Amino acid sequence: MDSLNPKDGHSLFQVAQKITPNAIMYLPRNVGLLEMEQLSWLSSPPLDIEIEENTVRGKLKAITIYFGDAAITQLYLPQTLSG
């Protein structure tokens, strides 16, 4: 999270929290998942969290993290990328 540009991920998350507790972050595949869980617990009140692995042809490409109500209201819609 600290290596994200132009601002580190923690700062972005804090800014988003001032606007809404329901945030979605699309992050690189090597993001620390434990760190993401800690972000949810450090929020006041602690937020629900859902972690989604984004794959293309079976290979992990990115991670999407849903916080707050976004975590519990997302429907699972399988998508197939062609090409």
Protein backbone atom coordinates (compact mmCIF):
# COMPACT_ATOMS: atom_id res chain seq x y z
CA MET A 1 0.00 0.00 0.00
CA ASP A 2 2.86 2.39 0.71
CA SER A 3 4.24 2.09 -2.82
CA LEU A 4 1.08 3.24 -4.62
CA ASN A 5 1.42 6.47 -6.58
CA PRO A 6 0.73 9.39 -6.58
CA LYS A 7 -0.41 8.88 -2.96
CA ASP A 8 0.11 5.87 -0.75
CA GLY A 9 -2.86 3.56 -0.27
CA HIS A 10 -3.40 4.43 3.40
CA SER A 11 -3.82 8.12 2.56
CA LEU A 12 -6.24 7.30 -0.24
CA PHE A 13 -8.27 5.10 2.08
CA GLN A 14 -8.42 7.82 4.76
CA VAL A 15 -9.64 10.38 2.21
CA ALA A 16 -12.29 7.94 0.99
CA GLN A 17 -13.41 7.30 4.59
CA LYS A 18 -14.14 11.03 5.04
CA ILE A 19 -16.58 10.78 2.13
CA THR A 20 -18.13 7.36 2.66
CA PRO A 21 -17.51 4.13 4.60
CA ASN A 22 -18.48 2.18 1.46
CA ALA A 23 -15.34 2.12 -0.65
CA ILE A 24 -14.00 -0.11 -3.40
CA MET A 25 -10.28 -0.34 -4.12
CA TYR A 26 -8.81 -1.93 -7.25
CA LEU A 27 -5.23 -2.87 -6.39
CA PRO A 28 -2.21 -4.71 -7.79
CA ARG A 29 -2.15 -8.47 -7.34
CA ASN A 30 0.75 -8.31 -4.86
CA VAL A 31 -1.05 -6.10 -2.32
CA GLY A 32 -0.86 -7.41 1.24
CA LEU A 33 -4.27 -8.91 2.06
CA LEU A 34 -3.58 -8.86 5.79
CA GLU A 35 -2.88 -5.14 5.48
CA MET A 36 -6.26 -4.68 3.78
CA GLU A 37 -8.02 -6.53 6.58
CA GLN A 38 -6.25 -4.32 9.11
CA LEU A 39 -7.57 -1.21 7.32
CA SER A 40 -11.10 -2.46 7.82
CA TRP A 41 -10.54 -3.14 11.54
CA LEU A 42 -8.85 0.23 12.13
CA SER A 43 -11.89 2.07 10.80
CA SER A 44 -14.37 3.38 13.31
CA PRO A 45 -16.62 1.43 13.41
CA PRO A 46 -14.84 -1.57 11.86
CA LEU A 47 -15.98 -2.19 8.28
CA ASP A 48 -17.11 -5.36 6.58
CA ILE A 49 -14.63 -6.42 3.92
CA GLU A 50 -14.81 -8.60 0.83
CA ILE A 51 -11.74 -9.54 -1.18
CA GLU A 52 -12.12 -10.48 -4.84
CA GLU A 53 -9.33 -11.92 -6.95
CA ASN A 54 -9.46 -10.74 -10.57
CA THR A 55 -8.14 -13.37 -12.96
CA VAL A 56 -7.70 -13.64 -16.69
CA ARG A 57 -7.38 -17.15 -18.10
CA GLY A 58 -6.72 -18.48 -14.62
CA LYS A 59 -3.91 -16.03 -13.81
CA LEU A 60 -4.26 -13.52 -10.98
CA LYS A 61 -4.09 -9.98 -12.41
CA ALA A 62 -5.45 -7.73 -9.64
CA ILE A 63 -7.34 -7.60 -6.35
CA THR A 64 -10.59 -5.71 -5.71
CA ILE A 65 -11.40 -4.91 -2.09
CA TYR A 66 -14.94 -3.93 -1.08
CA PHE A 67 -15.39 -2.09 2.25
CA GLY A 68 -18.54 -1.38 4.27
CA ASP A 69 -21.93 -1.95 2.64
CA ALA A 70 -20.18 -2.43 -0.72
CA ALA A 71 -18.79 -5.68 0.71
CA ILE A 72 -22.14 -7.21 1.49
CA THR A 73 -24.21 -5.89 -1.39
CA GLN A 74 -22.08 -7.03 -4.33
CA LEU A 75 -23.55 -9.86 -6.38
CA TYR A 76 -21.27 -12.52 -7.76
CA LEU A 77 -21.39 -12.12 -11.54
CA PRO A 78 -18.86 -14.30 -13.31
CA GLN A 79 -17.29 -12.53 -16.26
CA THR A 80 -15.35 -14.02 -19.11
CA LEU A 81 -12.77 -11.99 -20.97
CA SER A 82 -12.09 -13.06 -24.52
CA GLY A 83 -9.17 -12.19 -26.71
